[in-house]
Amino acid sequence: KDADSSERVLMDMRWGLVPSWFKKDDPSKMQFNTSNCRSDTMLKKSSYKGALLKGKRCVVLADGFYEWQQQSGGKQPYFIYFPQTKDTMDEGKEGDEEWKGWRLLTMAGIFDCWEPPTGGEMLYTYTIITVDASKDVSFIHHMPAILDGDEAIRKWLDFAEVPTQEAVKLIQPTENIVFHPVSTFVNSVHNNTPECLTPIELGAKKEVKDTPSSKMMLGWLKNSQEGSPQKKENDLPRWTSQFIHSPSPKKTSVDIMQQWLGKEGEPAAKKRKA
């Protein structure tokens, strides 16, 4: 609430934007879905226009997201994410290279603040902006608007220096994504384990190619599962799709978010100057 435009604030918000002007006493009474917002109508629909023009822009962090392609045998799920590299190494031991973690997708969003008409705690909610899919994933009609790089993130968040009409130019399809088919195990929202991410082969005609990103991901999953004999199940990476809401991120995700904010080790609610 009191943040300067140059500050980055990390906080929990409810997925599914509730406009500040919503008059009913219960946000669940909204009769339309606001989880995603089409980029071509976000400045036309009253649900998003007001918040967007007031500079209420946010970045939504996720490991990646799932999409399904219609095929003869049914719908085939795919996991879509940023290419993963070994730019960050552990220099503590000579010759011991350790991958620090997953590069999170940074998706453009709009948020708003809703206060119950009868009084009560203010509710922060958000929507993810979607764009036409890039040609590499043309089987998807729409995908999240991904902000690729620190400069794009900075411009999207700095509502005082970058006006709305300039910021919306950042909302474009990106080619800097990779994907692979995964098991239909992910179709159940009750399944939230590394198996949801493991690449599968679709057959001789559509073999999955081992890319640097997929090899790195599989190595990370393997190390997580075959580490210390005392390693508890809760210590394994937890993966969340675009369509599954996780009310409280696990420690591994919080650590990565803190690194992204540039303030590692401080409480998640802390603010920092850009």
C-alpha atoms as a PDB file:
ATOM      1  CA  LYS A   1       0.000   0.000   0.000  1.00  0.00           C
ATOM      2  CA  ASP A   2       2.789   2.428   0.931  1.00  0.00           C
ATOM      3  CA  ALA A   3       5.341   1.189  -1.593  1.00  0.00           C
ATOM      4  CA  ASP A   4       7.213   3.629  -3.799  1.00  0.00           C
ATOM      5  CA  SER A   5       7.030   2.945  -7.529  1.00  0.00           C
ATOM      6  CA  SER A   6      10.696   1.949  -7.539  1.00  0.00           C
ATOM      7  CA  GLU A   7      10.222  -0.719  -4.879  1.00  0.00           C
ATOM      8  CA  ARG A   8       9.577  -4.404  -5.494  1.00  0.00           C
ATOM      9  CA  VAL A   9       7.261  -5.981  -2.957  1.00  0.00           C
ATOM     10  CA  LEU A  10       6.712  -9.731  -2.724  1.00  0.00           C
ATOM     11  CA  MET A  11       3.349 -10.801  -1.357  1.00  0.00           C
ATOM     12  CA  ASP A  12       0.623 -13.422  -1.567  1.00  0.00           C
ATOM     13  CA  MET A  13      -2.409 -12.583  -3.679  1.00  0.00           C
ATOM     14  CA  ARG A  14      -5.523 -14.537  -4.558  1.00  0.00           C
ATOM     15  CA  TRP A  15      -5.633 -15.721  -8.184  1.00  0.00           C
ATOM     16  CA  GLY A  16      -8.678 -14.334  -9.992  1.00  0.00           C
ATOM     17  CA  LEU A  17      -8.963 -10.553  -9.999  1.00  0.00           C
ATOM     18  CA  VAL A  18     -11.762  -8.985  -7.953  1.00  0.00           C
ATOM     19  CA  PRO A  19     -12.289  -5.378  -9.149  1.00  0.00           C
ATOM     20  CA  SER A  20     -12.222  -2.703  -6.469  1.00  0.00           C
ATOM     21  CA  TRP A  21     -15.714  -1.620  -7.566  1.00  0.00           C
ATOM     22  CA  PHE A  22     -17.291  -5.068  -6.943  1.00  0.00           C
ATOM     23  CA  LYS A  23     -20.224  -4.361  -4.607  1.00  0.00           C
ATOM     24  CA  LYS A  24     -21.290  -7.770  -3.290  1.00  0.00           C
ATOM     25  CA  ASP A  25     -20.086  -8.954   0.095  1.00  0.00           C
ATOM     26  CA  ASP A  26     -18.494 -12.166  -1.173  1.00  0.00           C
ATOM     27  CA  PRO A  27     -15.980 -12.222  -4.083  1.00  0.00           C
ATOM     28  CA  SER A  28     -16.996 -15.821  -4.877  1.00  0.00           C
ATOM     29  CA  LYS A  29     -20.315 -14.395  -6.118  1.00  0.00           C
ATOM     30  CA  MET A  30     -18.603 -12.971  -9.194  1.00  0.00           C
ATOM     31  CA  GLN A  31     -20.304 -14.451 -12.240  1.00  0.00           C
ATOM     32  CA  PHE A  32     -17.299 -14.368 -14.572  1.00  0.00           C
ATOM     33  CA  ASN A  33     -13.791 -15.838 -14.512  1.00  0.00           C
ATOM     34  CA  THR A  34     -10.927 -13.375 -14.111  1.00  0.00           C
ATOM     35  CA  SER A  35      -7.981 -15.781 -13.802  1.00  0.00           C
ATOM     36  CA  ASN A  36      -6.711 -14.795 -17.256  1.00  0.00           C
ATOM     37  CA  CYS A  37      -6.991 -11.503 -19.116  1.00  0.00           C
ATOM     38  CA  ARG A  38      -6.733 -11.266 -22.906  1.00  0.00           C
ATOM     39  CA  SER A  39      -4.184  -8.615 -23.897  1.00  0.00           C
ATOM     40  CA  ASP A  40      -6.337  -7.365 -26.765  1.00  0.00           C
ATOM     41  CA  THR A  41      -9.233  -6.503 -24.427  1.00  0.00           C
ATOM     42  CA  MET A  42      -7.506  -5.560 -21.168  1.00  0.00           C
ATOM     43  CA  LEU A  43      -7.896  -1.827 -21.892  1.00  0.00           C
ATOM     44  CA  LYS A  44     -11.540  -2.285 -22.846  1.00  0.00           C
ATOM     45  CA  LYS A  45     -13.020  -4.458 -20.107  1.00  0.00           C
ATOM     46  CA  SER A  46     -13.941  -2.598 -16.926  1.00  0.00           C
ATOM     47  CA  SER A  47     -12.658  -5.455 -14.759  1.00  0.00           C
ATOM     48  CA  TYR A  48      -9.077  -4.723 -15.805  1.00  0.00           C
ATOM     49  CA  LYS A  49      -8.986  -1.246 -17.341  1.00  0.00           C
ATOM     50  CA  GLY A  50      -9.318   0.721 -14.118  1.00  0.00           C
ATOM     51  CA  ALA A  51      -6.594  -1.172 -12.288  1.00  0.00           C
ATOM     52  CA  LEU A  52      -4.283  -1.091 -15.314  1.00  0.00           C
ATOM     53  CA  LEU A  53      -4.638   2.663 -15.803  1.00  0.00           C
ATOM     54  CA  LYS A  54      -3.859   3.165 -12.101  1.00  0.00           C
ATOM     55  CA  GLY A  55      -0.562   1.352 -12.552  1.00  0.00           C
ATOM     56  CA  LYS A  56      -1.504  -1.810 -10.672  1.00  0.00           C
ATOM     57  CA  ARG A  57       0.903  -4.040 -12.587  1.00  0.00           C
ATOM     58  CA  CYS A  58       2.538  -7.126 -11.110  1.00  0.00           C
ATOM     59  CA  VAL A  59       4.762 -10.043 -12.082  1.00  0.00           C
ATOM     60  CA  VAL A  60       3.510 -13.580 -11.404  1.00  0.00           C
ATOM     61  CA  LEU A  61       6.201 -16.185 -10.726  1.00  0.00           C
ATOM     62  CA  ALA A  62       5.854 -19.862 -11.676  1.00  0.00           C
ATOM     63  CA  ASP A  63       8.049 -22.855 -12.517  1.00  0.00           C
ATOM     64  CA  GLY A  64       6.163 -23.141 -15.813  1.00  0.00           C
ATOM     65  CA  PHE A  65       2.697 -24.003 -17.027  1.00  0.00           C
ATOM     66  CA  TYR A  66       0.862 -26.863 -18.692  1.00  0.00           C
ATOM     67  CA  GLU A  67      -1.088 -26.889 -21.921  1.00  0.00           C
ATOM     68  CA  TRP A  68      -2.907 -29.716 -23.671  1.00  0.00           C
ATOM     69  CA  GLN A  69      -2.833 -30.574 -27.389  1.00  0.00           C
ATOM     70  CA  GLN A  70      -5.795 -32.376 -28.922  1.00  0.00           C
ATOM     71  CA  GLN A  71      -4.698 -35.648 -30.540  1.00  0.00           C
ATOM     72  CA  SER A  72      -6.446 -38.719 -31.892  1.00  0.00           C
ATOM     73  CA  GLY A  73      -6.009 -40.571 -28.614  1.00  0.00           C
ATOM     74  CA  GLY A  74      -7.107 -37.656 -26.457  1.00  0.00           C
ATOM     75  CA  LYS A  75      -5.395 -34.577 -25.081  1.00  0.00           C
ATOM     76  CA  GLN A  76      -1.620 -34.700 -24.612  1.00  0.00           C
ATOM     77  CA  PRO A  77      -0.218 -32.455 -21.819  1.00  0.00           C
ATOM     78  CA  TYR A  78       2.967 -30.417 -22.285  1.00  0.00           C
ATOM     79  CA  PHE A  79       5.085 -28.564 -19.761  1.00  0.00           C
ATOM     80  CA  ILE A  80       6.262 -25.128 -20.973  1.00  0.00           C
ATOM     81  CA  TYR A  81       9.080 -23.195 -19.297  1.00  0.00           C
ATOM     82  CA  PHE A  82      12.144 -20.976 -19.724  1.00  0.00           C
ATOM     83  CA  PRO A  83      15.305 -22.608 -21.167  1.00  0.00           C
ATOM     84  CA  GLN A  84      17.497 -23.579 -18.218  1.00  0.00           C
ATOM     85  CA  THR A  85      21.233 -22.834 -18.177  1.00  0.00           C
ATOM     86  CA  LYS A  86      24.132 -23.298 -15.775  1.00  0.00           C
ATOM     87  CA  ASP A  87      24.955 -19.609 -15.496  1.00  0.00           C
ATOM     88  CA  THR A  88      24.943 -19.800 -11.708  1.00  0.00           C
ATOM     89  CA  MET A  89      27.613 -22.112 -10.353  1.00  0.00           C
ATOM     90  CA  ASP A  90      28.829 -22.980  -6.876  1.00  0.00           C
ATOM     91  CA  GLU A  91      32.369 -21.642  -6.729  1.00  0.00           C
ATOM     92  CA  GLY A  92      32.957 -22.967  -3.237  1.00  0.00           C
ATOM     93  CA  LYS A  93      34.743 -26.108  -4.419  1.00  0.00           C
ATOM     94  CA  GLU A  94      37.092 -26.335  -7.358  1.00  0.00           C
ATOM     95  CA  GLY A  95      35.601 -28.385 -10.161  1.00  0.00           C
ATOM     96  CA  ASP A  96      32.343 -28.879  -8.280  1.00  0.00           C
ATOM     97  CA  GLU A  97      29.642 -27.297 -10.397  1.00  0.00           C
ATOM     98  CA  GLU A  98      26.255 -27.106  -8.781  1.00  0.00           C
ATOM     99  CA  TRP A  99      23.151 -25.800 -10.478  1.00  0.00           C
ATOM    100  CA  LYS A 100      21.525 -23.334  -8.095  1.00  0.00           C
ATOM    101  CA  GLY A 101      17.926 -23.683  -9.173  1.00  0.00           C
ATOM    102  CA  TRP A 102      15.164 -23.259 -11.665  1.00  0.00           C
ATOM    103  CA  ARG A 103      14.722 -20.048 -13.663  1.00  0.00           C
ATOM    104  CA  LEU A 104      11.155 -19.080 -12.894  1.00  0.00           C
ATOM    105  CA  LEU A 105       8.782 -17.804 -15.553  1.00  0.00           C
ATOM    106  CA  THR A 106       7.990 -14.130 -15.024  1.00  0.00           C
ATOM    107  CA  MET A 107       4.467 -13.525 -16.278  1.00  0.00           C
ATOM    108  CA  ALA A 108       2.812 -10.124 -16.624  1.00  0.00           C
ATOM    109  CA  GLY A 109      -0.211  -9.583 -14.443  1.00  0.00           C
ATOM    110  CA  ILE A 110      -2.671  -6.976 -13.210  1.00  0.00           C
ATOM    111  CA  PHE A 111      -3.751  -6.751  -9.579  1.00  0.00           C
ATOM    112  CA  ASP A 112      -6.434  -4.904  -7.652  1.00  0.00           C
ATOM    113  CA  CYS A 113      -7.438  -4.278  -4.055  1.00  0.00           C
ATOM    114  CA  TRP A 114     -10.997  -5.078  -2.956  1.00  0.00           C
ATOM    115  CA  GLU A 115     -12.508  -4.073   0.365  1.00  0.00           C
ATOM    116  CA  PRO A 116     -15.709  -5.742   1.627  1.00  0.00           C
ATOM    117  CA  PRO A 117     -18.651  -3.273   1.534  1.00  0.00           C
ATOM    118  CA  THR A 118     -19.388  -4.024   5.185  1.00  0.00           C
ATOM    119  CA  GLY A 119     -15.765  -3.502   6.183  1.00  0.00           C
ATOM    120  CA  GLY A 120     -12.982  -5.938   6.830  1.00  0.00           C
ATOM    121  CA  GLU A 121      -9.536  -6.893   5.613  1.00  0.00           C
ATOM    122  CA  MET A 122      -8.549  -5.740   2.132  1.00  0.00           C
ATOM    123  CA  LEU A 123      -8.199  -8.527  -0.430  1.00  0.00           C
ATOM    124  CA  TYR A 124      -5.405  -8.414  -3.031  1.00  0.00           C
ATOM    125  CA  THR A 125      -6.155 -10.364  -6.204  1.00  0.00           C
ATOM    126  CA  TYR A 126      -4.531 -10.704  -9.632  1.00  0.00           C
ATOM    127  CA  THR A 127      -5.037 -11.899 -13.186  1.00  0.00           C
ATOM    128  CA  ILE A 128      -2.467 -13.251 -15.664  1.00  0.00           C
ATOM    129  CA  ILE A 129      -2.341 -11.459 -19.025  1.00  0.00           C
ATOM    130  CA  THR A 130      -2.459 -13.796 -22.044  1.00  0.00           C
ATOM    131  CA  VAL A 131      -1.315 -13.294 -25.641  1.00  0.00           C
ATOM    132  CA  ASP A 132      -1.497 -15.264 -28.880  1.00  0.00           C
ATOM    133  CA  ALA A 133       0.884 -18.200 -28.721  1.00  0.00           C
ATOM    134  CA  SER A 134       4.260 -18.031 -30.461  1.00  0.00           C
ATOM    135  CA  LYS A 135       4.842 -20.184 -33.527  1.00  0.00           C
ATOM    136  CA  ASP A 136       6.844 -22.765 -31.562  1.00  0.00           C
ATOM    137  CA  VAL A 137       3.757 -23.619 -29.537  1.00  0.00           C
ATOM    138  CA  SER A 138       1.170 -22.902 -32.199  1.00  0.00           C
ATOM    139  CA  PHE A 139      -1.012 -25.735 -30.913  1.00  0.00           C
ATOM    140  CA  ILE A 140      -1.893 -23.387 -28.022  1.00  0.00           C
ATOM    141  CA  HIS A 141      -4.368 -20.615 -28.777  1.00  0.00           C
ATOM    142  CA  HIS A 142      -3.192 -18.343 -25.979  1.00  0.00           C
ATOM    143  CA  MET A 143      -0.346 -18.344 -23.485  1.00  0.00           C
ATOM    144  CA  PRO A 144       0.795 -16.150 -20.579  1.00  0.00           C
ATOM    145  CA  ALA A 145       2.475 -12.870 -21.492  1.00  0.00           C
ATOM    146  CA  ILE A 146       6.056 -13.556 -20.408  1.00  0.00           C
ATOM    147  CA  LEU A 147       8.433 -10.755 -19.422  1.00  0.00           C
ATOM    148  CA  ASP A 148      11.854 -11.964 -20.541  1.00  0.00           C
ATOM    149  CA  GLY A 149      14.703 -10.253 -18.701  1.00  0.00           C
ATOM    150  CA  ASP A 150      15.271  -7.717 -15.946  1.00  0.00           C
ATOM    151  CA  GLU A 151      14.697  -4.677 -18.148  1.00  0.00           C
ATOM    152  CA  ALA A 152      11.236  -5.821 -19.228  1.00  0.00           C
ATOM    153  CA  ILE A 153      10.371  -6.621 -15.617  1.00  0.00           C
ATOM    154  CA  ARG A 154      11.600  -3.228 -14.452  1.00  0.00           C
ATOM    155  CA  LYS A 155       9.544  -1.342 -17.028  1.00  0.00           C
ATOM    156  CA  TRP A 156       6.414  -3.350 -16.293  1.00  0.00           C
ATOM    157  CA  LEU A 157       6.642  -2.767 -12.538  1.00  0.00           C
ATOM    158  CA  ASP A 158       7.718   0.896 -12.509  1.00  0.00           C
ATOM    159  CA  PHE A 159       4.286   2.447 -12.978  1.00  0.00           C
ATOM    160  CA  ALA A 160       5.494   5.990 -12.177  1.00  0.00           C
ATOM    161  CA  GLU A 161       8.248   6.138 -14.801  1.00  0.00           C
ATOM    162  CA  VAL A 162       6.648   3.936 -17.463  1.00  0.00           C
ATOM    163  CA  PRO A 163       3.063   4.948 -18.364  1.00  0.00           C
ATOM    164  CA  THR A 164       0.411   2.415 -19.276  1.00  0.00           C
ATOM    165  CA  GLN A 165       0.536   2.946 -23.035  1.00  0.00           C
ATOM    166  CA  GLU A 166       4.286   2.342 -22.995  1.00  0.00           C
ATOM    167  CA  ALA A 167       4.095  -0.648 -20.661  1.00  0.00           C
ATOM    168  CA  VAL A 168       1.527  -2.531 -22.739  1.00  0.00           C
ATOM    169  CA  LYS A 169       4.041  -2.634 -25.623  1.00  0.00           C
ATOM    170  CA  LEU A 170       5.949  -5.171 -23.529  1.00  0.00           C
ATOM    171  CA  ILE A 171       3.038  -7.587 -23.821  1.00  0.00           C
ATOM    172  CA  GLN A 172       4.150  -9.704 -26.771  1.00  0.00           C
ATOM    173  CA  PRO A 173       4.501 -13.444 -27.514  1.00  0.00           C
ATOM    174  CA  THR A 174       7.980 -14.764 -26.720  1.00  0.00           C
ATOM    175  CA  GLU A 175      10.020 -17.315 -28.624  1.00  0.00           C
ATOM    176  CA  ASN A 176      12.341 -17.885 -25.655  1.00  0.00           C
ATOM    177  CA  ILE A 177      10.512 -20.911 -24.257  1.00  0.00           C
ATOM    178  CA  VAL A 178      10.950 -24.661 -24.449  1.00  0.00           C
ATOM    179  CA  PHE A 179       8.522 -27.496 -23.818  1.00  0.00           C
ATOM    180  CA  HIS A 180       8.212 -31.254 -23.688  1.00  0.00           C
ATOM    181  CA  PRO A 181       5.371 -33.773 -23.417  1.00  0.00           C
ATOM    182  CA  VAL A 182       4.596 -35.147 -19.966  1.00  0.00           C
ATOM    183  CA  SER A 183       2.469 -37.971 -18.597  1.00  0.00           C
ATOM    184  CA  THR A 184      -1.308 -37.624 -18.218  1.00  0.00           C
ATOM    185  CA  PHE A 185      -0.471 -38.178 -14.539  1.00  0.00           C
ATOM    186  CA  VAL A 186      -0.569 -34.370 -14.389  1.00  0.00           C
ATOM    187  CA  ASN A 187      -4.256 -34.316 -15.367  1.00  0.00           C
ATOM    188  CA  SER A 188      -5.280 -34.882 -11.757  1.00  0.00           C
ATOM    189  CA  VAL A 189      -4.938 -31.826  -9.512  1.00  0.00           C
ATOM    190  CA  HIS A 190      -4.151 -34.210  -6.653  1.00  0.00           C
ATOM    191  CA  ASN A 191      -0.806 -35.102  -8.268  1.00  0.00           C
ATOM    192  CA  ASN A 192       1.912 -32.590  -7.434  1.00  0.00           C
ATOM    193  CA  THR A 193       5.252 -34.438  -7.641  1.00  0.00           C
ATOM    194  CA  PRO A 194       8.339 -34.408  -9.925  1.00  0.00           C
ATOM    195  CA  GLU A 195       6.673 -37.073 -12.071  1.00  0.00           C
ATOM    196  CA  CYS A 196       4.444 -34.308 -13.455  1.00  0.00           C
ATOM    197  CA  LEU A 197       7.540 -32.766 -15.084  1.00  0.00           C
ATOM    198  CA  THR A 198       9.343 -35.849 -16.406  1.00  0.00           C
ATOM    199  CA  PRO A 199       9.601 -35.878 -20.246  1.00  0.00           C
ATOM    200  CA  ILE A 200       7.976 -38.827 -22.034  1.00  0.00           C
ATOM    201  CA  GLU A 201       8.264 -40.237 -25.558  1.00  0.00           C
ATOM    202  CA  LEU A 202       5.214 -40.006 -27.793  1.00  0.00           C
ATOM    203  CA  GLY A 203       6.367 -42.702 -30.231  1.00  0.00           C
ATOM    204  CA  ALA A 204       8.933 -43.273 -32.956  1.00  0.00           C
ATOM    205  CA  LYS A 205       7.638 -40.405 -35.085  1.00  0.00           C
ATOM    206  CA  LYS A 206       7.607 -37.927 -32.218  1.00  0.00           C
ATOM    207  CA  GLU A 207      10.558 -38.779 -30.047  1.00  0.00           C
ATOM    208  CA  VAL A 208      11.507 -36.295 -27.370  1.00  0.00           C
ATOM    209  CA  LYS A 209      14.925 -34.806 -28.067  1.00  0.00           C
ATOM    210  CA  ASP A 210      17.336 -34.447 -25.168  1.00  0.00           C
ATOM    211  CA  THR A 211      17.887 -30.718 -24.942  1.00  0.00           C
ATOM    212  CA  PRO A 212      20.304 -29.067 -22.485  1.00  0.00           C
ATOM    213  CA  SER A 213      17.296 -27.785 -20.544  1.00  0.00           C
ATOM    214  CA  SER A 214      15.592 -31.175 -20.249  1.00  0.00           C
ATOM    215  CA  LYS A 215      18.858 -32.906 -19.283  1.00  0.00           C
ATOM    216  CA  MET A 216      19.461 -30.319 -16.588  1.00  0.00           C
ATOM    217  CA  MET A 217      15.924 -30.633 -15.256  1.00  0.00           C
ATOM    218  CA  LEU A 218      16.120 -34.445 -15.114  1.00  0.00           C
ATOM    219  CA  GLY A 219      19.452 -34.220 -13.320  1.00  0.00           C
ATOM    220  CA  TRP A 220      17.952 -31.902 -10.740  1.00  0.00           C
ATOM    221  CA  LEU A 221      14.947 -34.173 -10.213  1.00  0.00           C
ATOM    222  CA  LYS A 222      17.237 -37.215  -9.880  1.00  0.00           C
ATOM    223  CA  ASN A 223      19.480 -35.508  -7.337  1.00  0.00           C
ATOM    224  CA  SER A 224      16.459 -34.432  -5.335  1.00  0.00           C
ATOM    225  CA  GLN A 225      15.085 -37.967  -5.193  1.00  0.00           C
ATOM    226  CA  GLU A 226      18.389 -39.821  -4.684  1.00  0.00           C
ATOM    227  CA  GLY A 227      20.073 -37.515  -2.203  1.00  0.00           C
ATOM    228  CA  SER A 228      20.452 -38.247   1.477  1.00  0.00           C
ATOM    229  CA  PRO A 229      18.794 -41.463   2.748  1.00  0.00           C
ATOM    230  CA  GLN A 230      17.222 -39.329   5.467  1.00  0.00           C
ATOM    231  CA  LYS A 231      15.763 -36.906   2.907  1.00  0.00           C
ATOM    232  CA  LYS A 232      12.087 -36.457   3.600  1.00  0.00           C
ATOM    233  CA  GLU A 233       9.423 -36.429   0.931  1.00  0.00           C
ATOM    234  CA  ASN A 234       8.537 -32.840   1.845  1.00  0.00           C
ATOM    235  CA  ASP A 235      12.059 -31.765   0.854  1.00  0.00           C
ATOM    236  CA  LEU A 236      11.529 -32.748  -2.790  1.00  0.00           C
ATOM    237  CA  PRO A 237      10.809 -29.983  -5.317  1.00  0.00           C
ATOM    238  CA  ARG A 238       7.149 -29.104  -5.612  1.00  0.00           C
ATOM    239  CA  TRP A 239       5.869 -28.060  -9.004  1.00  0.00           C
ATOM    240  CA  THR A 240       2.842 -25.921  -9.648  1.00  0.00           C
ATOM    241  CA  SER A 241       1.117 -25.467 -12.988  1.00  0.00           C
ATOM    242  CA  GLN A 242      -0.585 -22.339 -14.225  1.00  0.00           C
ATOM    243  CA  PHE A 243      -3.888 -23.989 -13.394  1.00  0.00           C
ATOM    244  CA  ILE A 244      -3.194 -25.195  -9.836  1.00  0.00           C
ATOM    245  CA  HIS A 245      -3.247 -22.646  -7.014  1.00  0.00           C
ATOM    246  CA  SER A 246      -0.718 -23.216  -4.246  1.00  0.00           C
ATOM    247  CA  PRO A 247      -1.649 -21.050  -1.234  1.00  0.00           C
ATOM    248  CA  SER A 248       1.788 -21.213   0.393  1.00  0.00           C
ATOM    249  CA  PRO A 249       4.976 -21.659  -1.681  1.00  0.00           C
ATOM    250  CA  LYS A 250       7.523 -24.201  -0.462  1.00  0.00           C
ATOM    251  CA  LYS A 251      10.885 -23.122   0.894  1.00  0.00           C
ATOM    252  CA  THR A 252      12.698 -23.836  -2.356  1.00  0.00           C
ATOM    253  CA  SER A 253      10.419 -21.492  -4.300  1.00  0.00           C
ATOM    254  CA  VAL A 254      10.677 -18.776  -1.654  1.00  0.00           C
ATOM    255  CA  ASP A 255      14.469 -18.939  -1.801  1.00  0.00           C
ATOM    256  CA  ILE A 256      14.423 -18.514  -5.587  1.00  0.00           C
ATOM    257  CA  MET A 257      11.948 -15.639  -5.305  1.00  0.00           C
ATOM    258  CA  GLN A 258      14.185 -13.915  -2.760  1.00  0.00           C
ATOM    259  CA  GLN A 259      17.125 -14.245  -5.152  1.00  0.00           C
ATOM    260  CA  TRP A 260      14.973 -12.720  -7.900  1.00  0.00           C
ATOM    261  CA  LEU A 261      14.138  -9.818  -5.612  1.00  0.00           C
ATOM    262  CA  GLY A 262      17.828  -9.377  -4.860  1.00  0.00           C
ATOM    263  CA  LYS A 263      17.299  -9.561  -1.121  1.00  0.00           C
ATOM    264  CA  GLU A 264      18.121 -13.148  -0.212  1.00  0.00           C
ATOM    265  CA  GLY A 265      17.623 -14.070   3.412  1.00  0.00           C
ATOM    266  CA  GLU A 266      15.097 -11.395   4.394  1.00  0.00           C
ATOM    267  CA  PRO A 267      11.428 -12.067   5.145  1.00  0.00           C
ATOM    268  CA  ALA A 268       9.222 -12.356   2.057  1.00  0.00           C
ATOM    269  CA  ALA A 269       7.213  -9.262   2.976  1.00  0.00           C
ATOM    270  CA  LYS A 270      10.305  -7.036   3.035  1.00  0.00           C
ATOM    271  CA  LYS A 271      10.619  -4.189   0.538  1.00  0.00           C
ATOM    272  CA  ARG A 272      13.728  -3.073  -1.301  1.00  0.00           C
ATOM    273  CA  LYS A 273      14.725  -0.160  -3.463  1.00  0.00           C
ATOM    274  CA  ALA A 274      15.195  -1.106  -7.128  1.00  0.00           C
END
